[in-house]
Each structure stands twice: as structure tokens, then as C-alpha cells.
């Protein structure tokens, strides 16, 4: 059985925000509002670490070349999700930037009628 429509919408919103953080379009702290308060520090820290890795990768790829060179943004290749129980959704996301492929795993749980992240891992 697939995930509910609400769960899919929440996943889409959270993944989009994560990609914006990785691309440097928004600060990692913005993930806090979509995260359970008890887990917020860990989720934000993971988003920040991922954004730093992307930025470092882009700097090293450019090397000494100071010409204007726009790096490929992080983009979503594929999203797999399942709802193992009502009120919880687990997600695996394949990301790409340039020639590098990334994986992101996350879990959202329904709390007080709002889907909130409880776990975020970037690999």
C-alpha cells in the first residue's frame, strides 16, 4: 500500500526545502520549522553539513579557475517513500549535482495534524 496524499505532499515540501538548503538558496535553520522540536538541532546540523559539503565540492571543482562558471545545482533524481504505519513516512531520495550522486534518507511523522521531520541523513 502506498503512502497517503498528505504524506506525499509533506515529503515533497520537505525534500524541496532540503534541496534549497543544499544549493545555498536558503539557510539550514529554515528546516527547523518543518521538524519536531526535540529533533530540530540534529536535522538542521545535517542540512548545514550537507550544504557545506556541496559548497566545498564546488570550490574544489573550480580550482584556480576564476572565470564565471556556474556549478550544476543539486537536483532530485528519484524519490522512494513508504508509510510503514499511519502517521509515519520513510523516504529515500537520490540527488545529483554535476557528476556526483548523493543519497538522502529522512523520516516524517504526523504530530498534531502536521508532518514533521524526525530524521535526516545525507550520504
PDB file of N, CA and C in Angstrom:
ATOM      1  N   UNK A   1       0.843  -1.181   0.000  1.00  0.00           N
ATOM      2  CA  UNK A   1       0.000   0.000   0.000  1.00  0.00           C
ATOM      3  C   UNK A   1       0.884   1.238   0.000  1.00  0.00           C
ATOM      4  N   UNK A   2       0.531   2.228  -0.808  1.00  0.00           N
ATOM      5  CA  UNK A   2       1.326   3.441  -0.922  1.00  0.00           C
ATOM      6  C   UNK A   2       1.051   4.418   0.205  1.00  0.00           C
ATOM      7  N   UNK A   3       1.826   5.469   0.209  1.00  0.00           N
ATOM      8  CA  UNK A   3       1.679   6.500   1.227  1.00  0.00           C
ATOM      9  C   UNK A   3       0.464   7.369   0.915  1.00  0.00           C
ATOM     10  N   UNK A   4      -0.090   7.999   1.925  1.00  0.00           N
ATOM     11  CA  UNK A   4      -1.254   8.861   1.775  1.00  0.00           C
ATOM     12  C   UNK A   4      -0.877  10.123   0.994  1.00  0.00           C
ATOM     13  N   UNK A   5      -1.881  10.777   0.457  1.00  0.00           N
ATOM     14  CA  UNK A   5      -1.663  12.020  -0.276  1.00  0.00           C
ATOM     15  C   UNK A   5      -1.037  13.104   0.586  1.00  0.00           C
ATOM     16  N   UNK A   6      -1.468  13.197   1.843  1.00  0.00           N
ATOM     17  CA  UNK A   6      -0.896  14.183   2.765  1.00  0.00           C
ATOM     18  C   UNK A   6       0.577  13.906   3.022  1.00  0.00           C
ATOM     19  N   UNK A   7       0.910  12.632   3.179  1.00  0.00           N
ATOM     20  CA  UNK A   7       2.308  12.259   3.415  1.00  0.00           C
ATOM     21  C   UNK A   7       3.158  12.614   2.197  1.00  0.00           C
ATOM     22  N   UNK A   8       2.663  12.317   1.008  1.00  0.00           N
ATOM     23  CA  UNK A   8       3.404  12.632  -0.221  1.00  0.00           C
ATOM     24  C   UNK A   8       3.633  14.135  -0.351  1.00  0.00           C
ATOM     25  N   UNK A   9       2.624  14.924  -0.046  1.00  0.00           N
ATOM     26  CA  UNK A   9       2.765  16.379  -0.123  1.00  0.00           C
ATOM     27  C   UNK A   9       3.793  16.885   0.892  1.00  0.00           C
ATOM     28  N   UNK A  10       3.765  16.337   2.106  1.00  0.00           N
ATOM     29  CA  UNK A  10       4.731  16.742   3.134  1.00  0.00           C
ATOM     30  C   UNK A  10       6.149  16.375   2.721  1.00  0.00           C
ATOM     31  N   UNK A  11       6.316  15.190   2.135  1.00  0.00           N
ATOM     32  CA  UNK A  11       7.640  14.765   1.664  1.00  0.00           C
ATOM     33  C   UNK A  11       8.126  15.709   0.572  1.00  0.00           C
ATOM     34  N   UNK A  12       7.274  16.019  -0.370  1.00  0.00           N
ATOM     35  CA  UNK A  12       7.656  16.921  -1.468  1.00  0.00           C
ATOM     36  C   UNK A  12       8.112  18.273  -0.926  1.00  0.00           C
ATOM     37  N   UNK A  13       7.373  18.805   0.033  1.00  0.00           N
ATOM     38  CA  UNK A  13       7.715  20.103   0.629  1.00  0.00           C
ATOM     39  C   UNK A  13       9.054  20.040   1.355  1.00  0.00           C
ATOM     40  N   UNK A  14       9.261  18.983   2.166  1.00  0.00           N
ATOM     41  CA  UNK A  14      10.498  18.879   2.934  1.00  0.00           C
ATOM     42  C   UNK A  14      11.699  18.645   2.019  1.00  0.00           C
ATOM     43  N   UNK A  15      11.563  17.775   1.037  1.00  0.00           N
ATOM     44  CA  UNK A  15      12.670  17.499   0.111  1.00  0.00           C
ATOM     45  C   UNK A  15      13.027  18.771  -0.669  1.00  0.00           C
ATOM     46  N   UNK A  16      12.021  19.517  -1.120  1.00  0.00           N
ATOM     47  CA  UNK A  16      12.288  20.766  -1.837  1.00  0.00           C
ATOM     48  C   UNK A  16      13.067  21.738  -0.962  1.00  0.00           C
ATOM     49  N   UNK A  17      12.680  21.834   0.311  1.00  0.00           N
ATOM     50  CA  UNK A  17      13.397  22.736   1.211  1.00  0.00           C
ATOM     51  C   UNK A  17      14.830  22.254   1.435  1.00  0.00           C
ATOM     52  N   UNK A  18      15.033  20.953   1.574  1.00  0.00           N
ATOM     53  CA  UNK A  18      16.392  20.412   1.743  1.00  0.00           C
ATOM     54  C   UNK A  18      17.264  20.741   0.537  1.00  0.00           C
ATOM     55  N   UNK A  19      16.719  20.596  -0.657  1.00  0.00           N
ATOM     56  CA  UNK A  19      17.475  20.894  -1.878  1.00  0.00           C
ATOM     57  C   UNK A  19      17.826  22.383  -1.924  1.00  0.00           C
ATOM     58  N   UNK A  20      16.903  23.233  -1.514  1.00  0.00           N
ATOM     59  CA  UNK A  20      17.194  24.673  -1.470  1.00  0.00           C
ATOM     60  C   UNK A  20      18.314  24.975  -0.476  1.00  0.00           C
ATOM     61  N   UNK A  21      18.333  24.272   0.645  1.00  0.00           N
ATOM     62  CA  UNK A  21      19.415  24.437   1.626  1.00  0.00           C
ATOM     63  C   UNK A  21      20.738  23.964   1.022  1.00  0.00           C
ATOM     64  N   UNK A  22      20.744  22.791   0.401  1.00  0.00           N
ATOM     65  CA  UNK A  22      21.968  22.258  -0.195  1.00  0.00           C
ATOM     66  C   UNK A  22      22.520  23.186  -1.277  1.00  0.00           C
ATOM     67  N   UNK A  23      21.646  23.807  -2.032  1.00  0.00           N
ATOM     68  CA  UNK A  23      22.068  24.713  -3.095  1.00  0.00           C
ATOM     69  C   UNK A  23      22.445  26.099  -2.583  1.00  0.00           C
ATOM     70  N   UNK A  24      22.250  26.352  -1.285  1.00  0.00           N
ATOM     71  CA  UNK A  24      22.603  27.642  -0.712  1.00  0.00           C
ATOM     72  C   UNK A  24      21.558  28.716  -0.947  1.00  0.00           C
ATOM     73  N   UNK A  25      20.352  28.335  -1.359  1.00  0.00           N
ATOM     74  CA  UNK A  25      19.288  29.303  -1.604  1.00  0.00           C
ATOM     75  C   UNK A  25      18.578  29.730  -0.329  1.00  0.00           C
ATOM     76  N   UNK A  26      18.696  28.918   0.714  1.00  0.00           N
ATOM     77  CA  UNK A  26      18.083  29.260   1.996  1.00  0.00           C
ATOM     78  C   UNK A  26      18.954  28.680   3.107  1.00  0.00           C
ATOM     79  N   UNK A  27      18.906  29.283   4.298  1.00  0.00           N
ATOM     80  CA  UNK A  27      19.716  28.779   5.415  1.00  0.00           C
ATOM     81  C   UNK A  27      19.151  27.469   5.965  1.00  0.00           C
ATOM     82  N   UNK A  28      20.035  26.648   6.498  1.00  0.00           N
ATOM     83  CA  UNK A  28      19.634  25.361   7.069  1.00  0.00           C
ATOM     84  C   UNK A  28      18.645  25.542   8.213  1.00  0.00           C
ATOM     85  N   UNK A  29      18.698  26.659   8.894  1.00  0.00           N
ATOM     86  CA  UNK A  29      17.782  26.909  10.016  1.00  0.00           C
ATOM     87  C   UNK A  29      16.317  26.873   9.582  1.00  0.00           C
ATOM     88  N   UNK A  30      16.043  27.071   8.303  1.00  0.00           N
ATOM     89  CA  UNK A  30      14.661  27.009   7.830  1.00  0.00           C
ATOM     90  C   UNK A  30      14.075  25.607   7.947  1.00  0.00           C
ATOM     91  N   UNK A  31      14.924  24.595   8.049  1.00  0.00           N
ATOM     92  CA  UNK A  31      14.436  23.222   8.230  1.00  0.00           C
ATOM     93  C   UNK A  31      13.770  23.044   9.597  1.00  0.00           C
ATOM     94  N   UNK A  32      14.136  23.910  10.526  1.00  0.00           N
ATOM     95  CA  UNK A  32      13.627  23.809  11.901  1.00  0.00           C
ATOM     96  C   UNK A  32      12.102  23.861  11.952  1.00  0.00           C
ATOM     97  N   UNK A  33      11.486  24.695  11.125  1.00  0.00           N
ATOM     98  CA  UNK A  33      10.027  24.844  11.207  1.00  0.00           C
ATOM     99  C   UNK A  33       9.265  23.622  10.689  1.00  0.00           C
ATOM    100  N   UNK A  34       9.952  22.731   9.984  1.00  0.00           N
ATOM    101  CA  UNK A  34       9.327  21.502   9.489  1.00  0.00           C
ATOM    102  C   UNK A  34       9.802  20.278  10.267  1.00  0.00           C
ATOM    103  N   UNK A  35      10.369  20.501  11.439  1.00  0.00           N
ATOM    104  CA  UNK A  35      10.980  19.436  12.231  1.00  0.00           C
ATOM    105  C   UNK A  35      10.404  19.416  13.640  1.00  0.00           C
ATOM    106  N   UNK A  36      10.317  18.234  14.232  1.00  0.00           N
ATOM    107  CA  UNK A  36       9.912  18.141  15.640  1.00  0.00           C
ATOM    108  C   UNK A  36      10.929  18.901  16.490  1.00  0.00           C
ATOM    109  N   UNK A  37      10.479  19.678  17.466  1.00  0.00           N
ATOM    110  CA  UNK A  37      11.413  20.462  18.282  1.00  0.00           C
ATOM    111  C   UNK A  37      12.543  19.632  18.894  1.00  0.00           C
ATOM    112  N   UNK A  38      12.257  18.436  19.364  1.00  0.00           N
ATOM    113  CA  UNK A  38      13.289  17.608  20.001  1.00  0.00           C
ATOM    114  C   UNK A  38      14.357  17.151  19.018  1.00  0.00           C
ATOM    115  N   UNK A  39      14.026  17.104  17.735  1.00  0.00           N
ATOM    116  CA  UNK A  39      14.951  16.629  16.704  1.00  0.00           C
ATOM    117  C   UNK A  39      15.537  17.758  15.858  1.00  0.00           C
ATOM    118  N   UNK A  40      15.085  18.981  16.086  1.00  0.00           N
ATOM    119  CA  UNK A  40      15.427  20.104  15.208  1.00  0.00           C
ATOM    120  C   UNK A  40      16.931  20.362  15.108  1.00  0.00           C
ATOM    121  N   UNK A  41      17.635  20.336  16.212  1.00  0.00           N
ATOM    122  CA  UNK A  41      19.069  20.641  16.185  1.00  0.00           C
ATOM    123  C   UNK A  41      19.817  19.645  15.299  1.00  0.00           C
ATOM    124  N   UNK A  42      19.485  18.374  15.419  1.00  0.00           N
ATOM    125  CA  UNK A  42      20.158  17.339  14.629  1.00  0.00           C
ATOM    126  C   UNK A  42      19.818  17.465  13.134  1.00  0.00           C
ATOM    127  N   UNK A  43      18.554  17.713  12.816  1.00  0.00           N
ATOM    128  CA  UNK A  43      18.141  17.846  11.414  1.00  0.00           C
ATOM    129  C   UNK A  43      18.791  19.077  10.784  1.00  0.00           C
ATOM    130  N   UNK A  44      18.782  20.197  11.487  1.00  0.00           N
ATOM    131  CA  UNK A  44      19.403  21.425  10.966  1.00  0.00           C
ATOM    132  C   UNK A  44      20.907  21.223  10.785  1.00  0.00           C
ATOM    133  N   UNK A  45      21.555  20.573  11.737  1.00  0.00           N
ATOM    134  CA  UNK A  45      23.001  20.319  11.642  1.00  0.00           C
ATOM    135  C   UNK A  45      23.316  19.460  10.419  1.00  0.00           C
ATOM    136  N   UNK A  46      22.500  18.463  10.140  1.00  0.00           N
ATOM    137  CA  UNK A  46      22.714  17.609   8.966  1.00  0.00           C
ATOM    138  C   UNK A  46      22.528  18.405   7.675  1.00  0.00           C
ATOM    139  N   UNK A  47      21.515  19.269   7.646  1.00  0.00           N
ATOM    140  CA  UNK A  47      21.310  20.122   6.477  1.00  0.00           C
ATOM    141  C   UNK A  47      22.472  21.070   6.262  1.00  0.00           C
ATOM    142  N   UNK A  48      22.971  21.650   7.342  1.00  0.00           N
ATOM    143  CA  UNK A  48      24.114  22.560   7.264  1.00  0.00           C
ATOM    144  C   UNK A  48      25.365  21.830   6.792  1.00  0.00           C
ATOM    145  N   UNK A  49      25.602  20.645   7.331  1.00  0.00           N
ATOM    146  CA  UNK A  49      26.770  19.858   6.918  1.00  0.00           C
ATOM    147  C   UNK A  49      26.683  19.512   5.429  1.00  0.00           C
ATOM    148  N   UNK A  50      25.500  19.162   4.957  1.00  0.00           N
ATOM    149  CA  UNK A  50      25.320  18.857   3.540  1.00  0.00           C
ATOM    150  C   UNK A  50      25.575  20.068   2.660  1.00  0.00           C
ATOM    151  N   UNK A  51      25.078  21.228   3.080  1.00  0.00           N
ATOM    152  CA  UNK A  51      25.299  22.458   2.312  1.00  0.00           C
ATOM    153  C   UNK A  51      26.783  22.800   2.249  1.00  0.00           C
ATOM    154  N   UNK A  52      27.493  22.569   3.352  1.00  0.00           N
ATOM    155  CA  UNK A  52      28.940  22.829   3.367  1.00  0.00           C
ATOM    156  C   UNK A  52      29.678  21.875   2.427  1.00  0.00           C
ATOM    157  N   UNK A  53      29.263  20.597   2.411  1.00  0.00           N
ATOM    158  CA  UNK A  53      29.903  19.628   1.510  1.00  0.00           C
ATOM    159  C   UNK A  53      29.692  20.005   0.046  1.00  0.00           C
ATOM    160  N   UNK A  54      28.492  20.445  -0.282  1.00  0.00           N
ATOM    161  CA  UNK A  54      28.213  20.870  -1.659  1.00  0.00           C
ATOM    162  C   UNK A  54      29.070  22.081  -2.010  1.00  0.00           C
ATOM    163  N   UNK A  55      29.144  23.050  -1.110  1.00  0.00           N
ATOM    164  CA  UNK A  55      29.949  24.251  -1.363  1.00  0.00           C
ATOM    165  C   UNK A  55      31.424  23.899  -1.525  1.00  0.00           C
ATOM    166  N   UNK A  56      31.951  23.014  -0.684  1.00  0.00           N
ATOM    167  CA  UNK A  56      33.358  22.597  -0.792  1.00  0.00           C
ATOM    168  C   UNK A  56      33.610  21.870  -2.102  1.00  0.00           C
ATOM    169  N   UNK A  57      32.687  21.014  -2.479  1.00  0.00           N
ATOM    170  CA  UNK A  57      32.826  20.279  -3.731  1.00  0.00           C
ATOM    171  C   UNK A  57      32.870  21.250  -4.925  1.00  0.00           C
ATOM    172  N   UNK A  58      32.035  22.250  -4.879  1.00  0.00           N
ATOM    173  CA  UNK A  58      32.010  23.231  -5.968  1.00  0.00           C
ATOM    174  C   UNK A  58      33.303  24.036  -6.015  1.00  0.00           C
ATOM    175  N   UNK A  59      33.822  24.408  -4.833  1.00  0.00           N
ATOM    176  CA  UNK A  59      35.080  25.168  -4.789  1.00  0.00           C
ATOM    177  C   UNK A  59      36.232  24.334  -5.329  1.00  0.00           C
ATOM    178  N   UNK A  60      36.311  23.076  -4.931  1.00  0.00           N
ATOM    179  CA  UNK A  60      37.420  22.228  -5.372  1.00  0.00           C
ATOM    180  C   UNK A  60      37.314  21.915  -6.864  1.00  0.00           C
ATOM    181  N   UNK A  61      36.117  21.819  -7.368  1.00  0.00           N
ATOM    182  CA  UNK A  61      35.912  21.541  -8.793  1.00  0.00           C
ATOM    183  C   UNK A  61      36.383  22.716  -9.632  1.00  0.00           C
ATOM    184  N   UNK A  62      36.153  23.906  -9.132  1.00  0.00           N
ATOM    185  CA  UNK A  62      36.559  25.111  -9.848  1.00  0.00           C
ATOM    186  C   UNK A  62      38.068  25.279  -9.822  1.00  0.00           C
ATOM    187  N   UNK A  63      38.670  24.877  -8.712  1.00  0.00           N
ATOM    188  CA  UNK A  63      40.123  25.006  -8.561  1.00  0.00           C
ATOM    189  C   UNK A  63      40.565  26.448  -8.674  1.00  0.00           C
ATOM    190  N   UNK A  64      41.607  26.686  -9.450  1.00  0.00           N
ATOM    191  CA  UNK A  64      42.143  28.028  -9.613  1.00  0.00           C
ATOM    192  C   UNK A  64      41.446  28.830 -10.694  1.00  0.00           C
ATOM    193  N   UNK A  65      40.503  28.241 -11.376  1.00  0.00           N
ATOM    194  CA  UNK A  65      39.801  28.924 -12.465  1.00  0.00           C
ATOM    195  C   UNK A  65      38.833  29.944 -11.892  1.00  0.00           C
ATOM    196  N   UNK A  66      39.131  31.205 -12.107  1.00  0.00           N
ATOM    197  CA  UNK A  66      38.295  32.278 -11.557  1.00  0.00           C
ATOM    198  C   UNK A  66      37.253  32.774 -12.568  1.00  0.00           C
ATOM    199  N   UNK A  67      37.225  32.177 -13.741  1.00  0.00           N
ATOM    200  CA  UNK A  67      36.203  32.581 -14.713  1.00  0.00           C
ATOM    201  C   UNK A  67      34.828  32.269 -14.139  1.00  0.00           C
ATOM    202  N   UNK A  68      33.845  33.023 -14.597  1.00  0.00           N
ATOM    203  CA  UNK A  68      32.490  32.760 -14.150  1.00  0.00           C
ATOM    204  C   UNK A  68      32.082  31.377 -14.630  1.00  0.00           C
ATOM    205  N   UNK A  69      31.830  30.524 -13.694  1.00  0.00           N
ATOM    206  CA  UNK A  69      31.462  29.159 -14.008  1.00  0.00           C
ATOM    207  C   UNK A  69      30.347  28.759 -13.051  1.00  0.00           C
ATOM    208  N   UNK A  70      29.196  28.553 -13.587  1.00  0.00           N
ATOM    209  CA  UNK A  70      28.053  28.205 -12.748  1.00  0.00           C
ATOM    210  C   UNK A  70      28.028  26.696 -12.507  1.00  0.00           C
ATOM    211  N   UNK A  71      28.097  26.319 -11.256  1.00  0.00           N
ATOM    212  CA  UNK A  71      28.060  24.902 -10.893  1.00  0.00           C
ATOM    213  C   UNK A  71      26.639  24.372 -11.041  1.00  0.00           C
ATOM    214  N   UNK A  72      26.540  23.119 -11.390  1.00  0.00           N
ATOM    215  CA  UNK A  72      25.228  22.486 -11.517  1.00  0.00           C
ATOM    216  C   UNK A  72      24.570  22.426 -10.140  1.00  0.00           C
ATOM    217  N   UNK A  73      23.307  22.817 -10.051  1.00  0.00           N
ATOM    218  CA  UNK A  73      22.629  22.749  -8.751  1.00  0.00           C
ATOM    219  C   UNK A  73      22.313  21.315  -8.364  1.00  0.00           C
ATOM    220  N   UNK A  74      22.136  21.099  -7.087  1.00  0.00           N
ATOM    221  CA  UNK A  74      21.676  19.804  -6.596  1.00  0.00           C
ATOM    222  C   UNK A  74      20.246  19.632  -7.094  1.00  0.00           C
ATOM    223  N   UNK A  75      19.952  18.463  -7.641  1.00  0.00           N
ATOM    224  CA  UNK A  75      18.614  18.179  -8.161  1.00  0.00           C
ATOM    225  C   UNK A  75      18.172  16.792  -7.712  1.00  0.00           C
ATOM    226  N   UNK A  76      16.881  16.602  -7.652  1.00  0.00           N
ATOM    227  CA  UNK A  76      16.304  15.319  -7.259  1.00  0.00           C
ATOM    228  C   UNK A  76      16.211  14.411  -8.480  1.00  0.00           C
ATOM    229  N   UNK A  77      16.778  13.216  -8.369  1.00  0.00           N
ATOM    230  CA  UNK A  77      16.659  12.205  -9.424  1.00  0.00           C
ATOM    231  C   UNK A  77      15.435  11.326  -9.204  1.00  0.00           C
ATOM    232  N   UNK A  78      15.268  10.854  -7.980  1.00  0.00           N
ATOM    233  CA  UNK A  78      14.199   9.900  -7.683  1.00  0.00           C
ATOM    234  C   UNK A  78      13.861   9.958  -6.200  1.00  0.00           C
ATOM    235  N   UNK A  79      12.591   9.730  -5.903  1.00  0.00           N
ATOM    236  CA  UNK A  79      12.123   9.691  -4.523  1.00  0.00           C
ATOM    237  C   UNK A  79      11.360   8.383  -4.314  1.00  0.00           C
ATOM    238  N   UNK A  80      11.751   7.639  -3.294  1.00  0.00           N
ATOM    239  CA  UNK A  80      11.048   6.416  -2.901  1.00  0.00           C
ATOM    240  C   UNK A  80      10.515   6.642  -1.493  1.00  0.00           C
ATOM    241  N   UNK A  81       9.230   6.392  -1.296  1.00  0.00           N
ATOM    242  CA  UNK A  81       8.704   6.551   0.042  1.00  0.00           C
ATOM    243  C   UNK A  81       7.754   5.426   0.397  1.00  0.00           C
ATOM    244  N   UNK A  82       7.673   5.195   1.687  1.00  0.00           N
ATOM    245  CA  UNK A  82       6.720   4.212   2.193  1.00  0.00           C
ATOM    246  C   UNK A  82       6.168   4.730   3.513  1.00  0.00           C
ATOM    247  N   UNK A  83       4.978   4.304   3.803  1.00  0.00           N
ATOM    248  CA  UNK A  83       4.334   4.673   5.054  1.00  0.00           C
ATOM    249  C   UNK A  83       4.167   3.378   5.857  1.00  0.00           C
ATOM    250  N   UNK A  84       5.189   3.031   6.683  1.00  0.00           N
ATOM    251  CA  UNK A  84       5.158   1.759   7.389  1.00  0.00           C
ATOM    252  C   UNK A  84       3.997   1.639   8.372  1.00  0.00           C
ATOM    253  N   UNK A  85       3.535   2.764   8.830  1.00  0.00           N
ATOM    254  CA  UNK A  85       2.347   2.802   9.685  1.00  0.00           C
ATOM    255  C   UNK A  85       1.691   4.158   9.478  1.00  0.00           C
ATOM    256  N   UNK A  86       0.434   4.243   9.798  1.00  0.00           N
ATOM    257  CA  UNK A  86      -0.263   5.515   9.681  1.00  0.00           C
ATOM    258  C   UNK A  86       0.449   6.544  10.547  1.00  0.00           C
ATOM    259  N   UNK A  87       0.758   7.684   9.954  1.00  0.00           N
ATOM    260  CA  UNK A  87       1.402   8.758  10.701  1.00  0.00           C
ATOM    261  C   UNK A  87       2.917   8.751  10.666  1.00  0.00           C
ATOM    262  N   UNK A  88       3.510   7.890   9.857  1.00  0.00           N
ATOM    263  CA  UNK A  88       4.970   7.875   9.704  1.00  0.00           C
ATOM    264  C   UNK A  88       5.299   7.549   8.258  1.00  0.00           C
ATOM    265  N   UNK A  89       6.234   8.287   7.686  1.00  0.00           N
ATOM    266  CA  UNK A  89       6.666   8.033   6.316  1.00  0.00           C
ATOM    267  C   UNK A  89       8.192   8.050   6.281  1.00  0.00           C
ATOM    268  N   UNK A  90       8.756   7.063   5.606  1.00  0.00           N
ATOM    269  CA  UNK A  90      10.207   6.957   5.457  1.00  0.00           C
ATOM    270  C   UNK A  90      10.544   7.134   3.990  1.00  0.00           C
ATOM    271  N   UNK A  91      11.604   7.892   3.726  1.00  0.00           N
ATOM    272  CA  UNK A  91      11.894   8.329   2.368  1.00  0.00           C
ATOM    273  C   UNK A  91      13.369   8.145   2.035  1.00  0.00           C
ATOM    274  N   UNK A  92      13.631   7.674   0.823  1.00  0.00           N
ATOM    275  CA  UNK A  92      14.984   7.619   0.266  1.00  0.00           C
ATOM    276  C   UNK A  92      14.970   8.477  -0.992  1.00  0.00           C
ATOM    277  N   UNK A  93      15.926   9.390  -1.085  1.00  0.00           N
ATOM    278  CA  UNK A  93      15.975  10.328  -2.208  1.00  0.00           C
ATOM    279  C   UNK A  93      17.337  10.221  -2.880  1.00  0.00           C
ATOM    280  N   UNK A  94      17.339  10.093  -4.201  1.00  0.00           N
ATOM    281  CA  UNK A  94      18.580  10.136  -4.979  1.00  0.00           C
ATOM    282  C   UNK A  94      18.730  11.560  -5.493  1.00  0.00           C
ATOM    283  N   UNK A  95      19.888  12.164  -5.212  1.00  0.00           N
ATOM    284  CA  UNK A  95      20.190  13.535  -5.625  1.00  0.00           C
ATOM    285  C   UNK A  95      21.397  13.518  -6.556  1.00  0.00           C
ATOM    286  N   UNK A  96      21.519  14.544  -7.375  1.00  0.00           N
ATOM    287  CA  UNK A  96      22.677  14.665  -8.248  1.00  0.00           C
ATOM    288  C   UNK A  96      23.109  16.130  -8.311  1.00  0.00           C
ATOM    289  N   UNK A  97      24.407  16.334  -8.394  1.00  0.00           N
ATOM    290  CA  UNK A  97      24.963  17.647  -8.681  1.00  0.00           C
ATOM    291  C   UNK A  97      26.197  17.417  -9.537  1.00  0.00           C
ATOM    292  N   UNK A  98      26.171  17.958 -10.726  1.00  0.00           N
ATOM    293  CA  UNK A  98      27.265  17.703 -11.653  1.00  0.00           C
ATOM    294  C   UNK A  98      27.364  16.217 -11.928  1.00  0.00           C
ATOM    295  N   UNK A  99      28.516  15.654 -11.653  1.00  0.00           N
ATOM    296  CA  UNK A  99      28.730  14.225 -11.866  1.00  0.00           C
ATOM    297  C   UNK A  99      28.611  13.422 -10.569  1.00  0.00           C
ATOM    298  N   UNK A 100      28.275  14.075  -9.493  1.00  0.00           N
ATOM    299  CA  UNK A 100      28.200  13.410  -8.182  1.00  0.00           C
ATOM    300  C   UNK A 100      26.768  13.044  -7.845  1.00  0.00           C
ATOM    301  N   UNK A 101      26.577  11.828  -7.367  1.00  0.00           N
ATOM    302  CA  UNK A 101      25.263  11.373  -6.921  1.00  0.00           C
ATOM    303  C   UNK A 101      25.275  11.282  -5.402  1.00  0.00           C
ATOM    304  N   UNK A 102      24.197  11.697  -4.785  1.00  0.00           N
ATOM    305  CA  UNK A 102      24.047  11.707  -3.336  1.00  0.00           C
ATOM    306  C   UNK A 102      22.821  10.891  -2.961  1.00  0.00           C
ATOM    307  N   UNK A 103      22.742  10.520  -1.709  1.00  0.00           N
ATOM    308  CA  UNK A 103      21.540   9.886  -1.170  1.00  0.00           C
ATOM    309  C   UNK A 103      21.108  10.666   0.066  1.00  0.00           C
ATOM    310  N   UNK A 104      19.817  10.770   0.210  1.00  0.00           N
ATOM    311  CA  UNK A 104      19.253  11.425   1.385  1.00  0.00           C
ATOM    312  C   UNK A 104      18.166  10.500   1.935  1.00  0.00           C
ATOM    313  N   UNK A 105      18.201  10.279   3.231  1.00  0.00           N
ATOM    314  CA  UNK A 105      17.179   9.483   3.894  1.00  0.00           C
ATOM    315  C   UNK A 105      16.522  10.370   4.948  1.00  0.00           C
ATOM    316  N   UNK A 106      15.216  10.227   5.074  1.00  0.00           N
ATOM    317  CA  UNK A 106      14.513  11.034   6.062  1.00  0.00           C
ATOM    318  C   UNK A 106      13.267  10.315   6.550  1.00  0.00           C
ATOM    319  N   UNK A 107      12.795  10.758   7.675  1.00  0.00           N
ATOM    320  CA  UNK A 107      11.561  10.226   8.238  1.00  0.00           C
ATOM    321  C   UNK A 107      10.723  11.413   8.694  1.00  0.00           C
ATOM    322  N   UNK A 108       9.453  11.381   8.338  1.00  0.00           N
ATOM    323  CA  UNK A 108       8.490  12.374   8.790  1.00  0.00           C
ATOM    324  C   UNK A 108       7.424  11.652   9.601  1.00  0.00           C
ATOM    325  N   UNK A 109       6.947  12.323  10.646  1.00  0.00           N
ATOM    326  CA  UNK A 109       5.875  11.767  11.471  1.00  0.00           C
ATOM    327  C   UNK A 109       4.795  12.817  11.643  1.00  0.00           C
ATOM    328  N   UNK A 110       3.572  12.344  11.746  1.00  0.00           N
ATOM    329  CA  UNK A 110       2.413  13.216  11.909  1.00  0.00           C
ATOM    330  C   UNK A 110       2.224  13.525  13.396  1.00  0.00           C
ATOM    331  N   UNK A 111       2.328  14.813  13.745  1.00  0.00           N
ATOM    332  CA  UNK A 111       2.153  15.272  15.120  1.00  0.00           C
ATOM    333  C   UNK A 111       1.228  16.472  15.111  1.00  0.00           C
ATOM    334  N   UNK A 112       0.127  16.349  15.831  1.00  0.00           N
ATOM    335  CA  UNK A 112      -0.841  17.450  15.935  1.00  0.00           C
ATOM    336  C   UNK A 112      -1.233  17.984  14.564  1.00  0.00           C
ATOM    337  N   UNK A 113      -1.589  17.086  13.661  1.00  0.00           N
ATOM    338  CA  UNK A 113      -2.061  17.411  12.303  1.00  0.00           C
ATOM    339  C   UNK A 113      -1.003  18.059  11.411  1.00  0.00           C
ATOM    340  N   UNK A 114       0.270  17.947  11.754  1.00  0.00           N
ATOM    341  CA  UNK A 114       1.351  18.485  10.910  1.00  0.00           C
ATOM    342  C   UNK A 114       2.432  17.416  10.745  1.00  0.00           C
ATOM    343  N   UNK A 115       2.920  17.266   9.532  1.00  0.00           N
ATOM    344  CA  UNK A 115       4.020  16.333   9.257  1.00  0.00           C
ATOM    345  C   UNK A 115       5.324  17.014   9.621  1.00  0.00           C
ATOM    346  N   UNK A 116       6.111  16.369  10.469  1.00  0.00           N
ATOM    347  CA  UNK A 116       7.372  16.940  10.948  1.00  0.00           C
ATOM    348  C   UNK A 116       8.500  15.945  10.745  1.00  0.00           C
ATOM    349  N   UNK A 117       9.658  16.446  10.361  1.00  0.00           N
ATOM    350  CA  UNK A 117      10.836  15.596  10.202  1.00  0.00           C
ATOM    351  C   UNK A 117      11.329  15.150  11.572  1.00  0.00           C
ATOM    352  N   UNK A 118      11.765  13.904  11.630  1.00  0.00           N
ATOM    353  CA  UNK A 118      12.379  13.403  12.860  1.00  0.00           C
ATOM    354  C   UNK A 118      13.818  12.973  12.603  1.00  0.00           C
ATOM    355  N   UNK A 119      14.134  12.685  11.342  1.00  0.00           N
ATOM    356  CA  UNK A 119      15.477  12.222  10.980  1.00  0.00           C
ATOM    357  C   UNK A 119      15.822  12.723   9.586  1.00  0.00           C
ATOM    358  N   UNK A 120      17.082  13.119   9.408  1.00  0.00           N
ATOM    359  CA  UNK A 120      17.616  13.492   8.099  1.00  0.00           C
ATOM    360  C   UNK A 120      19.048  13.016   8.024  1.00  0.00           C
ATOM    361  N   UNK A 121      19.388  12.287   6.965  1.00  0.00           N
ATOM    362  CA  UNK A 121      20.762  11.824   6.744  1.00  0.00           C
ATOM    363  C   UNK A 121      21.109  12.068   5.294  1.00  0.00           C
ATOM    364  N   UNK A 122      22.280  12.646   5.071  1.00  0.00           N
ATOM    365  CA  UNK A 122      22.820  12.845   3.728  1.00  0.00           C
ATOM    366  C   UNK A 122      24.050  11.980   3.587  1.00  0.00           C
ATOM    367  N   UNK A 123      24.077  11.194   2.532  1.00  0.00           N
ATOM    368  CA  UNK A 123      25.174  10.252   2.324  1.00  0.00           C
ATOM    369  C   UNK A 123      25.845  10.564   0.999  1.00  0.00           C
TER     370      UNK A 123
END
